Amino acid sequence: MTLAEALLEGVSTTVIGLVIVFAVLAILWGVLVLMRKLFYKESAQEAPKPAPAVQPAAVPEAPAVQAAADEEELIAVLTAAVAASLNTSTYHLHIKSYRRIGNNAPAWNQAGLNDVINSRF
């Protein structure tokens, strides 16, 4: 076998290997797209439920004012916490939105956190 024949065989083996790899990747991509279409519902298809239009007449104004004050206080606390963790000033930070997330930690993790917190006080 000459050098040219050996190089030609090596190139052909490389090309065949690359074609197989990309064909398998294309098949995997197609399967993932198909699974996304089958298993995940589109949020745009679901119509949002309308909020009830009837509100009780005996709702005082004080809780609304209190809720607004609590909201501003919570945003201030969140901004301060983010600024402290980033070692920056609160001047450059603007909290646009926030939401609570559930605590998905296992029970042993929560027990450990409680032990650490209680040992400091």
PDB file of N, CA and C in Angstrom:
ATOM      1  N   MET A   1       0.849  -1.164   0.000  1.00  0.00           N
ATOM      2  CA  MET A   1       0.000   0.000   0.000  1.00  0.00           C
ATOM      3  C   MET A   1       0.901   1.236   0.000  1.00  0.00           C
ATOM      4  N   THR A   2       0.660   2.121  -0.933  1.00  0.00           N
ATOM      5  CA  THR A   2       1.472   3.327  -1.045  1.00  0.00           C
ATOM      6  C   THR A   2       0.964   4.382  -0.056  1.00  0.00           C
ATOM      7  N   LEU A   3       1.743   5.437   0.040  1.00  0.00           N
ATOM      8  CA  LEU A   3       1.397   6.518   0.950  1.00  0.00           C
ATOM      9  C   LEU A   3       0.105   7.204   0.503  1.00  0.00           C
ATOM     10  N   ALA A   4      -0.074   7.397  -0.783  1.00  0.00           N
ATOM     11  CA  ALA A   4      -1.273   8.051  -1.295  1.00  0.00           C
ATOM     12  C   ALA A   4      -2.519   7.213  -1.009  1.00  0.00           C
ATOM     13  N   GLU A   5      -2.403   5.896  -1.186  1.00  0.00           N
ATOM     14  CA  GLU A   5      -3.545   5.020  -0.893  1.00  0.00           C
ATOM     15  C   GLU A   5      -3.891   5.034   0.590  1.00  0.00           C
ATOM     16  N   ALA A   6      -2.885   5.063   1.442  1.00  0.00           N
ATOM     17  CA  ALA A   6      -3.118   5.101   2.884  1.00  0.00           C
ATOM     18  C   ALA A   6      -3.796   6.416   3.289  1.00  0.00           C
ATOM     19  N   LEU A   7      -3.330   7.534   2.717  1.00  0.00           N
ATOM     20  CA  LEU A   7      -3.947   8.824   3.026  1.00  0.00           C
ATOM     21  C   LEU A   7      -5.388   8.874   2.519  1.00  0.00           C
ATOM     22  N   LEU A   8      -5.634   8.348   1.321  1.00  0.00           N
ATOM     23  CA  LEU A   8      -6.986   8.332   0.771  1.00  0.00           C
ATOM     24  C   LEU A   8      -7.923   7.487   1.627  1.00  0.00           C
ATOM     25  N   GLU A   9      -7.435   6.360   2.114  1.00  0.00           N
ATOM     26  CA  GLU A   9      -8.254   5.516   2.990  1.00  0.00           C
ATOM     27  C   GLU A   9      -8.523   6.202   4.324  1.00  0.00           C
ATOM     28  N   GLY A  10      -7.539   6.923   4.851  1.00  0.00           N
ATOM     29  CA  GLY A  10      -7.735   7.660   6.099  1.00  0.00           C
ATOM     30  C   GLY A  10      -8.739   8.784   5.951  1.00  0.00           C
ATOM     31  N   VAL A  11      -8.666   9.502   4.827  1.00  0.00           N
ATOM     32  CA  VAL A  11      -9.609  10.592   4.585  1.00  0.00           C
ATOM     33  C   VAL A  11     -11.017  10.032   4.411  1.00  0.00           C
ATOM     34  N   SER A  12     -11.147   8.936   3.681  1.00  0.00           N
ATOM     35  CA  SER A  12     -12.482   8.364   3.472  1.00  0.00           C
ATOM     36  C   SER A  12     -13.066   7.854   4.790  1.00  0.00           C
ATOM     37  N   THR A  13     -12.239   7.272   5.641  1.00  0.00           N
ATOM     38  CA  THR A  13     -12.706   6.810   6.941  1.00  0.00           C
ATOM     39  C   THR A  13     -13.153   7.995   7.800  1.00  0.00           C
ATOM     40  N   THR A  14     -12.400   9.090   7.748  1.00  0.00           N
ATOM     41  CA  THR A  14     -12.759  10.290   8.504  1.00  0.00           C
ATOM     42  C   THR A  14     -14.079  10.864   8.014  1.00  0.00           C
ATOM     43  N   VAL A  15     -14.254  10.957   6.719  1.00  0.00           N
ATOM     44  CA  VAL A  15     -15.481  11.513   6.153  1.00  0.00           C
ATOM     45  C   VAL A  15     -16.678  10.639   6.513  1.00  0.00           C
ATOM     46  N   ILE A  16     -16.532   9.331   6.411  1.00  0.00           N
ATOM     47  CA  ILE A  16     -17.628   8.421   6.766  1.00  0.00           C
ATOM     48  C   ILE A  16     -17.978   8.566   8.250  1.00  0.00           C
ATOM     49  N   GLY A  17     -16.986   8.687   9.107  1.00  0.00           N
ATOM     50  CA  GLY A  17     -17.231   8.863  10.532  1.00  0.00           C
ATOM     51  C   GLY A  17     -17.964  10.169  10.826  1.00  0.00           C
ATOM     52  N   LEU A  18     -17.545  11.261  10.174  1.00  0.00           N
ATOM     53  CA  LEU A  18     -18.212  12.543  10.380  1.00  0.00           C
ATOM     54  C   LEU A  18     -19.654  12.508   9.892  1.00  0.00           C
ATOM     55  N   VAL A  19     -19.897  11.873   8.761  1.00  0.00           N
ATOM     56  CA  VAL A  19     -21.262  11.770   8.239  1.00  0.00           C
ATOM     57  C   VAL A  19     -22.140  10.990   9.213  1.00  0.00           C
ATOM     58  N   ILE A  20     -21.623   9.921   9.774  1.00  0.00           N
ATOM     59  CA  ILE A  20     -22.396   9.118  10.727  1.00  0.00           C
ATOM     60  C   ILE A  20     -22.693   9.931  11.983  1.00  0.00           C
ATOM     61  N   VAL A  21     -21.701  10.648  12.499  1.00  0.00           N
ATOM     62  CA  VAL A  21     -21.901  11.434  13.716  1.00  0.00           C
ATOM     63  C   VAL A  21     -22.956  12.503  13.494  1.00  0.00           C
ATOM     64  N   PHE A  22     -22.861  13.248  12.398  1.00  0.00           N
ATOM     65  CA  PHE A  22     -23.834  14.314  12.153  1.00  0.00           C
ATOM     66  C   PHE A  22     -25.215  13.768  11.825  1.00  0.00           C
ATOM     67  N   ALA A  23     -25.290  12.582  11.203  1.00  0.00           N
ATOM     68  CA  ALA A  23     -26.589  11.970  10.946  1.00  0.00           C
ATOM     69  C   ALA A  23     -27.262  11.587  12.270  1.00  0.00           C
ATOM     70  N   VAL A  24     -26.508  11.034  13.198  1.00  0.00           N
ATOM     71  CA  VAL A  24     -27.060  10.669  14.499  1.00  0.00           C
ATOM     72  C   VAL A  24     -27.477  11.925  15.267  1.00  0.00           C
ATOM     73  N   LEU A  25     -26.686  12.985  15.190  1.00  0.00           N
ATOM     74  CA  LEU A  25     -27.071  14.239  15.845  1.00  0.00           C
ATOM     75  C   LEU A  25     -28.357  14.812  15.248  1.00  0.00           C
ATOM     76  N   ALA A  26     -28.517  14.723  13.938  1.00  0.00           N
ATOM     77  CA  ALA A  26     -29.741  15.205  13.297  1.00  0.00           C
ATOM     78  C   ALA A  26     -30.936  14.372  13.737  1.00  0.00           C
ATOM     79  N   ILE A  27     -30.751  13.069  13.874  1.00  0.00           N
ATOM     80  CA  ILE A  27     -31.841  12.198  14.329  1.00  0.00           C
ATOM     81  C   ILE A  27     -32.214  12.550  15.775  1.00  0.00           C
ATOM     82  N   LEU A  28     -31.227  12.758  16.633  1.00  0.00           N
ATOM     83  CA  LEU A  28     -31.502  13.140  18.021  1.00  0.00           C
ATOM     84  C   LEU A  28     -32.228  14.482  18.095  1.00  0.00           C
ATOM     85  N   TRP A  29     -31.824  15.431  17.274  1.00  0.00           N
ATOM     86  CA  TRP A  29     -32.485  16.725  17.244  1.00  0.00           C
ATOM     87  C   TRP A  29     -33.949  16.566  16.837  1.00  0.00           C
ATOM     88  N   GLY A  30     -34.194  15.748  15.830  1.00  0.00           N
ATOM     89  CA  GLY A  30     -35.566  15.503  15.396  1.00  0.00           C
ATOM     90  C   GLY A  30     -36.404  14.859  16.483  1.00  0.00           C
ATOM     91  N   VAL A  31     -35.822  13.919  17.212  1.00  0.00           N
ATOM     92  CA  VAL A  31     -36.546  13.259  18.304  1.00  0.00           C
ATOM     93  C   VAL A  31     -36.868  14.262  19.409  1.00  0.00           C
ATOM     94  N   LEU A  32     -35.929  15.147  19.731  1.00  0.00           N
ATOM     95  CA  LEU A  32     -36.176  16.154  20.767  1.00  0.00           C
ATOM     96  C   LEU A  32     -37.270  17.129  20.349  1.00  0.00           C
ATOM     97  N   VAL A  33     -37.273  17.543  19.096  1.00  0.00           N
ATOM     98  CA  VAL A  33     -38.324  18.440  18.613  1.00  0.00           C
ATOM     99  C   VAL A  33     -39.673  17.737  18.678  1.00  0.00           C
ATOM    100  N   LEU A  34     -39.710  16.479  18.285  1.00  0.00           N
ATOM    101  CA  LEU A  34     -40.954  15.707  18.326  1.00  0.00           C
ATOM    102  C   LEU A  34     -41.446  15.548  19.768  1.00  0.00           C
ATOM    103  N   MET A  35     -40.535  15.272  20.703  1.00  0.00           N
ATOM    104  CA  MET A  35     -40.930  15.131  22.103  1.00  0.00           C
ATOM    105  C   MET A  35     -41.447  16.448  22.661  1.00  0.00           C
ATOM    106  N   ARG A  36     -40.842  17.558  22.254  1.00  0.00           N
ATOM    107  CA  ARG A  36     -41.315  18.860  22.726  1.00  0.00           C
ATOM    108  C   ARG A  36     -42.730  19.120  22.222  1.00  0.00           C
ATOM    109  N   LYS A  37     -43.001  18.771  20.985  1.00  0.00           N
ATOM    110  CA  LYS A  37     -44.341  18.975  20.422  1.00  0.00           C
ATOM    111  C   LYS A  37     -45.367  18.079  21.117  1.00  0.00           C
ATOM    112  N   LEU A  38     -44.987  16.852  21.455  1.00  0.00           N
ATOM    113  CA  LEU A  38     -45.926  15.911  22.043  1.00  0.00           C
ATOM    114  C   LEU A  38     -46.182  16.151  23.524  1.00  0.00           C
ATOM    115  N   PHE A  39     -45.133  16.463  24.287  1.00  0.00           N
ATOM    116  CA  PHE A  39     -45.248  16.462  25.736  1.00  0.00           C
ATOM    117  C   PHE A  39     -45.424  17.831  26.371  1.00  0.00           C
ATOM    118  N   TYR A  40     -45.052  18.896  25.712  1.00  0.00           N
ATOM    119  CA  TYR A  40     -45.178  20.225  26.305  1.00  0.00           C
ATOM    120  C   TYR A  40     -46.310  20.978  25.637  1.00  0.00           C
ATOM    121  N   LYS A  41     -47.169  21.537  26.471  1.00  0.00           N
ATOM    122  CA  LYS A  41     -48.280  22.315  25.953  1.00  0.00           C
ATOM    123  C   LYS A  41     -47.814  23.748  25.731  1.00  0.00           C
ATOM    124  N   GLU A  42     -48.302  24.352  24.686  1.00  0.00           N
ATOM    125  CA  GLU A  42     -47.974  25.743  24.399  1.00  0.00           C
ATOM    126  C   GLU A  42     -48.780  26.642  25.326  1.00  0.00           C
ATOM    127  N   SER A  43     -48.139  27.609  25.943  1.00  0.00           N
ATOM    128  CA  SER A  43     -48.837  28.507  26.857  1.00  0.00           C
ATOM    129  C   SER A  43     -49.695  29.511  26.101  1.00  0.00           C
ATOM    130  N   ALA A  44     -49.388  29.774  24.831  1.00  0.00           N
ATOM    131  CA  ALA A  44     -50.170  30.722  24.052  1.00  0.00           C
ATOM    132  C   ALA A  44     -51.530  30.137  23.675  1.00  0.00           C
ATOM    133  N   GLN A  45     -51.666  28.832  23.629  1.00  0.00           N
ATOM    134  CA  GLN A  45     -52.921  28.208  23.254  1.00  0.00           C
ATOM    135  C   GLN A  45     -53.948  28.312  24.377  1.00  0.00           C
ATOM    136  N   GLU A  46     -53.490  28.315  25.590  1.00  0.00           N
ATOM    137  CA  GLU A  46     -54.396  28.375  26.724  1.00  0.00           C
ATOM    138  C   GLU A  46     -54.852  29.814  26.939  1.00  0.00           C
ATOM    139  N   ALA A  47     -56.155  30.008  26.996  1.00  0.00           N
ATOM    140  CA  ALA A  47     -56.689  31.339  27.229  1.00  0.00           C
ATOM    141  C   ALA A  47     -56.646  31.625  28.729  1.00  0.00           C
ATOM    142  N   PRO A  48     -56.191  32.822  29.119  1.00  0.00           N
ATOM    143  CA  PRO A  48     -56.162  33.128  30.554  1.00  0.00           C
ATOM    144  C   PRO A  48     -57.581  33.248  31.101  1.00  0.00           C
ATOM    145  N   LYS A  49     -57.754  32.766  32.313  1.00  0.00           N
ATOM    146  CA  LYS A  49     -59.068  32.818  32.944  1.00  0.00           C
ATOM    147  C   LYS A  49     -59.348  34.249  33.388  1.00  0.00           C
ATOM    148  N   PRO A  50     -60.533  34.752  33.100  1.00  0.00           N
ATOM    149  CA  PRO A  50     -60.830  36.127  33.515  1.00  0.00           C
ATOM    150  C   PRO A  50     -60.999  36.202  35.024  1.00  0.00           C
ATOM    151  N   ALA A  51     -60.567  37.312  35.571  1.00  0.00           N
ATOM    152  CA  ALA A  51     -60.686  37.528  37.007  1.00  0.00           C
ATOM    153  C   ALA A  51     -62.139  37.835  37.343  1.00  0.00           C
ATOM    154  N   PRO A  52     -62.578  37.451  38.523  1.00  0.00           N
ATOM    155  CA  PRO A  52     -63.957  37.758  38.891  1.00  0.00           C
ATOM    156  C   PRO A  52     -64.172  39.264  38.945  1.00  0.00           C
ATOM    157  N   ALA A  53     -65.258  39.702  38.332  1.00  0.00           N
ATOM    158  CA  ALA A  53     -65.539  41.139  38.240  1.00  0.00           C
ATOM    159  C   ALA A  53     -66.205  41.667  39.498  1.00  0.00           C
ATOM    160  N   VAL A  54     -66.820  40.800  40.272  1.00  0.00           N
ATOM    161  CA  VAL A  54     -67.533  41.237  41.462  1.00  0.00           C
ATOM    162  C   VAL A  54     -66.551  41.330  42.619  1.00  0.00           C
ATOM    163  N   GLN A  55     -66.506  42.510  43.227  1.00  0.00           N
ATOM    164  CA  GLN A  55     -65.659  42.699  44.384  1.00  0.00           C
ATOM    165  C   GLN A  55     -66.535  43.077  45.560  1.00  0.00           C
ATOM    166  N   PRO A  56     -66.184  42.623  46.757  1.00  0.00           N
ATOM    167  CA  PRO A  56     -67.003  42.963  47.918  1.00  0.00           C
ATOM    168  C   PRO A  56     -66.976  44.467  48.176  1.00  0.00           C
ATOM    169  N   ALA A  57     -68.116  44.989  48.597  1.00  0.00           N
ATOM    170  CA  ALA A  57     -68.239  46.425  48.825  1.00  0.00           C
ATOM    171  C   ALA A  57     -67.622  46.849  50.152  1.00  0.00           C
ATOM    172  N   ALA A  58     -67.430  45.928  51.083  1.00  0.00           N
ATOM    173  CA  ALA A  58     -66.961  46.281  52.417  1.00  0.00           C
ATOM    174  C   ALA A  58     -65.449  46.162  52.556  1.00  0.00           C
ATOM    175  N   VAL A  59     -64.691  46.314  51.465  1.00  0.00           N
ATOM    176  CA  VAL A  59     -63.235  46.227  51.544  1.00  0.00           C
ATOM    177  C   VAL A  59     -62.692  47.590  51.943  1.00  0.00           C
ATOM    178  N   PRO A  60     -62.011  47.682  53.077  1.00  0.00           N
ATOM    179  CA  PRO A  60     -61.474  48.981  53.501  1.00  0.00           C
ATOM    180  C   PRO A  60     -60.254  49.356  52.671  1.00  0.00           C
ATOM    181  N   GLU A  61     -59.903  50.621  52.667  1.00  0.00           N
ATOM    182  CA  GLU A  61     -58.776  51.139  51.895  1.00  0.00           C
ATOM    183  C   GLU A  61     -57.444  50.904  52.595  1.00  0.00           C
ATOM    184  N   ALA A  62     -57.433  50.710  53.893  1.00  0.00           N
ATOM    185  CA  ALA A  62     -56.193  50.581  54.648  1.00  0.00           C
ATOM    186  C   ALA A  62     -55.348  49.393  54.210  1.00  0.00           C
ATOM    187  N   PRO A  63     -55.894  48.193  53.951  1.00  0.00           N
ATOM    188  CA  PRO A  63     -55.030  47.098  53.527  1.00  0.00           C
ATOM    189  C   PRO A  63     -54.327  47.375  52.200  1.00  0.00           C
ATOM    190  N   ALA A  64     -54.952  48.123  51.296  1.00  0.00           N
ATOM    191  CA  ALA A  64     -54.301  48.433  50.029  1.00  0.00           C
ATOM    192  C   ALA A  64     -53.089  49.328  50.259  1.00  0.00           C
ATOM    193  N   VAL A  65     -53.226  50.288  51.158  1.00  0.00           N
ATOM    194  CA  VAL A  65     -52.113  51.172  51.474  1.00  0.00           C
ATOM    195  C   VAL A  65     -51.026  50.382  52.175  1.00  0.00           C
ATOM    196  N   GLN A  66     -51.413  49.501  53.080  1.00  0.00           N
ATOM    197  CA  GLN A  66     -50.448  48.669  53.795  1.00  0.00           C
ATOM    198  C   GLN A  66     -49.729  47.731  52.837  1.00  0.00           C
ATOM    199  N   ALA A  67     -50.460  47.148  51.860  1.00  0.00           N
ATOM    200  CA  ALA A  67     -49.848  46.243  50.891  1.00  0.00           C
ATOM    201  C   ALA A  67     -48.840  46.987  50.029  1.00  0.00           C
ATOM    202  N   ALA A  68     -49.142  48.222  49.639  1.00  0.00           N
ATOM    203  CA  ALA A  68     -48.209  49.009  48.836  1.00  0.00           C
ATOM    204  C   ALA A  68     -46.941  49.315  49.629  1.00  0.00           C
ATOM    205  N   ALA A  69     -47.095  49.629  50.923  1.00  0.00           N
ATOM    206  CA  ALA A  69     -45.932  49.906  51.760  1.00  0.00           C
ATOM    207  C   ALA A  69     -45.094  48.642  51.935  1.00  0.00           C
ATOM    208  N   ASP A  70     -45.756  47.500  52.128  1.00  0.00           N
ATOM    209  CA  ASP A  70     -45.032  46.240  52.251  1.00  0.00           C
ATOM    210  C   ASP A  70     -44.293  45.911  50.960  1.00  0.00           C
ATOM    211  N   GLU A  71     -44.921  46.195  49.831  1.00  0.00           N
ATOM    212  CA  GLU A  71     -44.303  45.939  48.532  1.00  0.00           C
ATOM    213  C   GLU A  71     -43.034  46.768  48.360  1.00  0.00           C
ATOM    214  N   GLU A  72     -43.094  48.045  48.694  1.00  0.00           N
ATOM    215  CA  GLU A  72     -41.929  48.916  48.582  1.00  0.00           C
ATOM    216  C   GLU A  72     -40.818  48.467  49.531  1.00  0.00           C
ATOM    217  N   GLU A  73     -41.204  48.058  50.718  1.00  0.00           N
ATOM    218  CA  GLU A  73     -40.216  47.593  51.692  1.00  0.00           C
ATOM    219  C   GLU A  73     -39.547  46.310  51.217  1.00  0.00           C
ATOM    220  N   LEU A  74     -40.330  45.401  50.630  1.00  0.00           N
ATOM    221  CA  LEU A  74     -39.772  44.157  50.118  1.00  0.00           C
ATOM    222  C   LEU A  74     -38.813  44.425  48.969  1.00  0.00           C
ATOM    223  N   ILE A  75     -39.153  45.339  48.080  1.00  0.00           N
ATOM    224  CA  ILE A  75     -38.266  45.674  46.970  1.00  0.00           C
ATOM    225  C   ILE A  75     -36.980  46.305  47.493  1.00  0.00           C
ATOM    226  N   ALA A  76     -37.079  47.122  48.521  1.00  0.00           N
ATOM    227  CA  ALA A  76     -35.881  47.723  49.117  1.00  0.00           C
ATOM    228  C   ALA A  76     -34.984  46.660  49.721  1.00  0.00           C
ATOM    229  N   VAL A  77     -35.575  45.696  50.407  1.00  0.00           N
ATOM    230  CA  VAL A  77     -34.785  44.619  51.014  1.00  0.00           C
ATOM    231  C   VAL A  77     -34.127  43.765  49.929  1.00  0.00           C
ATOM    232  N   LEU A  78     -34.876  43.445  48.872  1.00  0.00           N
ATOM    233  CA  LEU A  78     -34.311  42.646  47.778  1.00  0.00           C
ATOM    234  C   LEU A  78     -33.164  43.380  47.095  1.00  0.00           C
ATOM    235  N   THR A  79     -33.337  44.676  46.872  1.00  0.00           N
ATOM    236  CA  THR A  79     -32.282  45.460  46.239  1.00  0.00           C
ATOM    237  C   THR A  79     -31.037  45.494  47.120  1.00  0.00           C
ATOM    238  N   ALA A  80     -31.222  45.669  48.410  1.00  0.00           N
ATOM    239  CA  ALA A  80     -30.075  45.694  49.324  1.00  0.00           C
ATOM    240  C   ALA A  80     -29.368  44.345  49.362  1.00  0.00           C
ATOM    241  N   ALA A  81     -30.133  43.264  49.330  1.00  0.00           N
ATOM    242  CA  ALA A  81     -29.519  41.931  49.371  1.00  0.00           C
ATOM    243  C   ALA A  81     -28.710  41.658  48.102  1.00  0.00           C
ATOM    244  N   VAL A  82     -29.264  42.036  46.967  1.00  0.00           N
ATOM    245  CA  VAL A  82     -28.536  41.828  45.708  1.00  0.00           C
ATOM    246  C   VAL A  82     -27.293  42.699  45.667  1.00  0.00           C
ATOM    247  N   ALA A  83     -27.403  43.938  46.110  1.00  0.00           N
ATOM    248  CA  ALA A  83     -26.245  44.835  46.130  1.00  0.00           C
ATOM    249  C   ALA A  83     -25.158  44.301  47.055  1.00  0.00           C
ATOM    250  N   ALA A  84     -25.552  43.748  48.197  1.00  0.00           N
ATOM    251  CA  ALA A  84     -24.562  43.205  49.130  1.00  0.00           C
ATOM    252  C   ALA A  84     -23.862  41.985  48.540  1.00  0.00           C
ATOM    253  N   SER A  85     -24.613  41.146  47.834  1.00  0.00           N
ATOM    254  CA  SER A  85     -23.981  39.948  47.276  1.00  0.00           C
ATOM    255  C   SER A  85     -23.100  40.272  46.078  1.00  0.00           C
ATOM    256  N   LEU A  86     -23.392  41.363  45.374  1.00  0.00           N
ATOM    257  CA  LEU A  86     -22.579  41.758  44.228  1.00  0.00           C
ATOM    258  C   LEU A  86     -21.496  42.767  44.575  1.00  0.00           C
ATOM    259  N   ASN A  87     -21.441  43.201  45.838  1.00  0.00           N
ATOM    260  CA  ASN A  87     -20.481  44.207  46.304  1.00  0.00           C
ATOM    261  C   ASN A  87     -20.558  45.471  45.454  1.00  0.00           C
ATOM    262  N   THR A  88     -21.760  45.974  45.270  1.00  0.00           N
ATOM    263  CA  THR A  88     -21.966  47.185  44.479  1.00  0.00           C
ATOM    264  C   THR A  88     -22.967  48.081  45.187  1.00  0.00           C
ATOM    265  N   SER A  89     -23.193  49.236  44.635  1.00  0.00           N
ATOM    266  CA  SER A  89     -24.136  50.190  45.210  1.00  0.00           C
ATOM    267  C   SER A  89     -25.552  49.877  44.729  1.00  0.00           C
ATOM    268  N   THR A  90     -26.533  50.273  45.512  1.00  0.00           N
ATOM    269  CA  THR A  90     -27.920  50.068  45.109  1.00  0.00           C
ATOM    270  C   THR A  90     -28.339  51.062  44.037  1.00  0.00           C
ATOM    271  N   TYR A  91     -27.514  52.049  43.777  1.00  0.00           N
ATOM    272  CA  TYR A  91     -27.836  53.071  42.787  1.00  0.00           C
ATOM    273  C   TYR A  91     -27.976  52.472  41.386  1.00  0.00           C
ATOM    274  N   HIS A  92     -27.170  51.481  41.078  1.00  0.00           N
ATOM    275  CA  HIS A  92     -27.163  50.895  39.739  1.00  0.00           C
ATOM    276  C   HIS A  92     -28.146  49.735  39.588  1.00  0.00           C
ATOM    277  N   LEU A  93     -28.818  49.350  40.643  1.00  0.00           N
ATOM    278  CA  LEU A  93     -29.720  48.203  40.592  1.00  0.00           C
ATOM    279  C   LEU A  93     -31.164  48.663  40.523  1.00  0.00           C
ATOM    280  N   HIS A  94     -31.934  47.986  39.678  1.00  0.00           N
ATOM    281  CA  HIS A  94     -33.360  48.263  39.565  1.00  0.00           C
ATOM    282  C   HIS A  94     -34.087  46.924  39.531  1.00  0.00           C
ATOM    283  N   ILE A  95     -34.848  46.627  40.565  1.00  0.00           N
ATOM    284  CA  ILE A  95     -35.628  45.402  40.617  1.00  0.00           C
ATOM    285  C   ILE A  95     -36.873  45.622  39.761  1.00  0.00           C
ATOM    286  N   LYS A  96     -36.984  44.858  38.672  1.00  0.00           N
ATOM    287  CA  LYS A  96     -38.138  45.008  37.782  1.00  0.00           C
ATOM    288  C   LYS A  96     -39.286  44.104  38.203  1.00  0.00           C
ATOM    289  N   SER A  97     -38.975  42.886  38.589  1.00  0.00           N
ATOM    290  CA  SER A  97     -40.015  41.967  39.036  1.00  0.00           C
ATOM    291  C   SER A  97     -39.385  40.927  39.952  1.00  0.00           C
ATOM    292  N   TYR A  98     -40.217  40.281  40.708  1.00  0.00           N
ATOM    293  CA  TYR A  98     -39.767  39.214  41.582  1.00  0.00           C
ATOM    294  C   TYR A  98     -40.923  38.244  41.763  1.00  0.00           C
ATOM    295  N   ARG A  99     -40.589  37.044  42.190  1.00  0.00           N
ATOM    296  CA  ARG A  99     -41.612  36.054  42.502  1.00  0.00           C
ATOM    297  C   ARG A  99     -41.031  35.082  43.516  1.00  0.00           C
ATOM    298  N   ARG A 100     -41.899  34.557  44.321  1.00  0.00           N
ATOM    299  CA  ARG A 100     -41.472  33.572  45.312  1.00  0.00           C
ATOM    300  C   ARG A 100     -41.313  32.223  44.626  1.00  0.00           C
ATOM    301  N   ILE A 101     -40.321  31.490  45.075  1.00  0.00           N
ATOM    302  CA  ILE A 101     -40.152  30.136  44.568  1.00  0.00           C
ATOM    303  C   ILE A 101     -40.300  29.177  45.737  1.00  0.00           C
ATOM    304  N   GLY A 102     -40.779  28.004  45.443  1.00  0.00           N
ATOM    305  CA  GLY A 102     -40.968  27.013  46.487  1.00  0.00           C
ATOM    306  C   GLY A 102     -39.642  26.462  46.969  1.00  0.00           C
ATOM    307  N   ASN A 103     -39.628  25.987  48.170  1.00  0.00           N
ATOM    308  CA  ASN A 103     -38.430  25.390  48.728  1.00  0.00           C
ATOM    309  C   ASN A 103     -38.463  23.903  48.415  1.00  0.00           C
ATOM    310  N   ASN A 104     -37.651  23.487  47.456  1.00  0.00           N
ATOM    311  CA  ASN A 104     -37.622  22.095  47.026  1.00  0.00           C
ATOM    312  C   ASN A 104     -36.497  21.304  47.683  1.00  0.00           C
ATOM    313  N   ALA A 105     -35.931  21.847  48.729  1.00  0.00           N
ATOM    314  CA  ALA A 105     -34.825  21.173  49.395  1.00  0.00           C
ATOM    315  C   ALA A 105     -35.347  19.965  50.168  1.00  0.00           C
ATOM    316  N   PRO A 106     -34.541  18.913  50.235  1.00  0.00           N
ATOM    317  CA  PRO A 106     -34.953  17.740  51.017  1.00  0.00           C
ATOM    318  C   PRO A 106     -35.041  18.077  52.508  1.00  0.00           C
ATOM    319  N   ALA A 107     -35.705  17.203  53.241  1.00  0.00           N
ATOM    320  CA  ALA A 107     -35.926  17.433  54.674  1.00  0.00           C
ATOM    321  C   ALA A 107     -34.611  17.503  55.438  1.00  0.00           C
ATOM    322  N   TRP A 108     -33.631  16.670  55.068  1.00  0.00           N
ATOM    323  CA  TRP A 108     -32.360  16.690  55.787  1.00  0.00           C
ATOM    324  C   TRP A 108     -31.627  18.011  55.569  1.00  0.00           C
ATOM    325  N   ASN A 109     -31.809  18.608  54.379  1.00  0.00           N
ATOM    326  CA  ASN A 109     -31.177  19.885  54.099  1.00  0.00           C
ATOM    327  C   ASN A 109     -31.817  20.989  54.944  1.00  0.00           C
ATOM    328  N   GLN A 110     -33.132  20.991  55.034  1.00  0.00           N
ATOM    329  CA  GLN A 110     -33.818  21.995  55.837  1.00  0.00           C
ATOM    330  C   GLN A 110     -33.485  21.834  57.315  1.00  0.00           C
ATOM    331  N   ALA A 111     -33.358  20.585  57.787  1.00  0.00           N
ATOM    332  CA  ALA A 111     -32.994  20.349  59.182  1.00  0.00           C
ATOM    333  C   ALA A 111     -31.592  20.879  59.467  1.00  0.00           C
ATOM    334  N   GLY A 112     -30.673  20.678  58.535  1.00  0.00           N
ATOM    335  CA  GLY A 112     -29.317  21.204  58.707  1.00  0.00           C
ATOM    336  C   GLY A 112     -29.292  22.721  58.737  1.00  0.00           C
ATOM    337  N   LEU A 113     -30.075  23.355  57.852  1.00  0.00           N
ATOM    338  CA  LEU A 113     -30.152  24.811  57.852  1.00  0.00           C
ATOM    339  C   LEU A 113     -30.730  25.333  59.167  1.00  0.00           C
ATOM    340  N   ASN A 114     -31.757  24.662  59.663  1.00  0.00           N
ATOM    341  CA  ASN A 114     -32.339  25.080  60.943  1.00  0.00           C
ATOM    342  C   ASN A 114     -31.333  24.940  62.080  1.00  0.00           C
ATOM    343  N   ASP A 115     -30.555  23.872  62.077  1.00  0.00           N
ATOM    344  CA  ASP A 115     -29.523  23.691  63.114  1.00  0.00           C
ATOM    345  C   ASP A 115     -28.494  24.813  63.070  1.00  0.00           C
ATOM    346  N   VAL A 116     -28.062  25.164  61.855  1.00  0.00           N
ATOM    347  CA  VAL A 116     -27.053  26.227  61.721  1.00  0.00           C
ATOM    348  C   VAL A 116     -27.618  27.554  62.177  1.00  0.00           C
ATOM    349  N   ILE A 117     -28.848  27.861  61.767  1.00  0.00           N
ATOM    350  CA  ILE A 117     -29.455  29.130  62.150  1.00  0.00           C
ATOM    351  C   ILE A 117     -29.683  29.189  63.645  1.00  0.00           C
ATOM    352  N   ASN A 118     -30.166  28.113  64.248  1.00  0.00           N
ATOM    353  CA  ASN A 118     -30.439  28.097  65.684  1.00  0.00           C
ATOM    354  C   ASN A 118     -29.153  28.115  66.509  1.00  0.00           C
ATOM    355  N   SER A 119     -28.061  27.614  65.977  1.00  0.00           N
ATOM    356  CA  SER A 119     -26.807  27.602  66.737  1.00  0.00           C
ATOM    357  C   SER A 119     -26.182  28.989  66.796  1.00  0.00           C
ATOM    358  N   ARG A 120     -26.590  29.896  65.924  1.00  0.00           N
ATOM    359  CA  ARG A 120     -26.025  31.247  65.932  1.00  0.00           C
ATOM    360  C   ARG A 120     -26.708  32.158  66.924  1.00  0.00           C
ATOM    361  N   PHE A 121     -27.867  31.793  67.406  1.00  0.00           N
ATOM    362  CA  PHE A 121     -28.607  32.666  68.316  1.00  0.00           C
ATOM    363  C   PHE A 121     -28.595  32.141  69.711  1.00  0.00           C
TER     364      PHE A 121
END
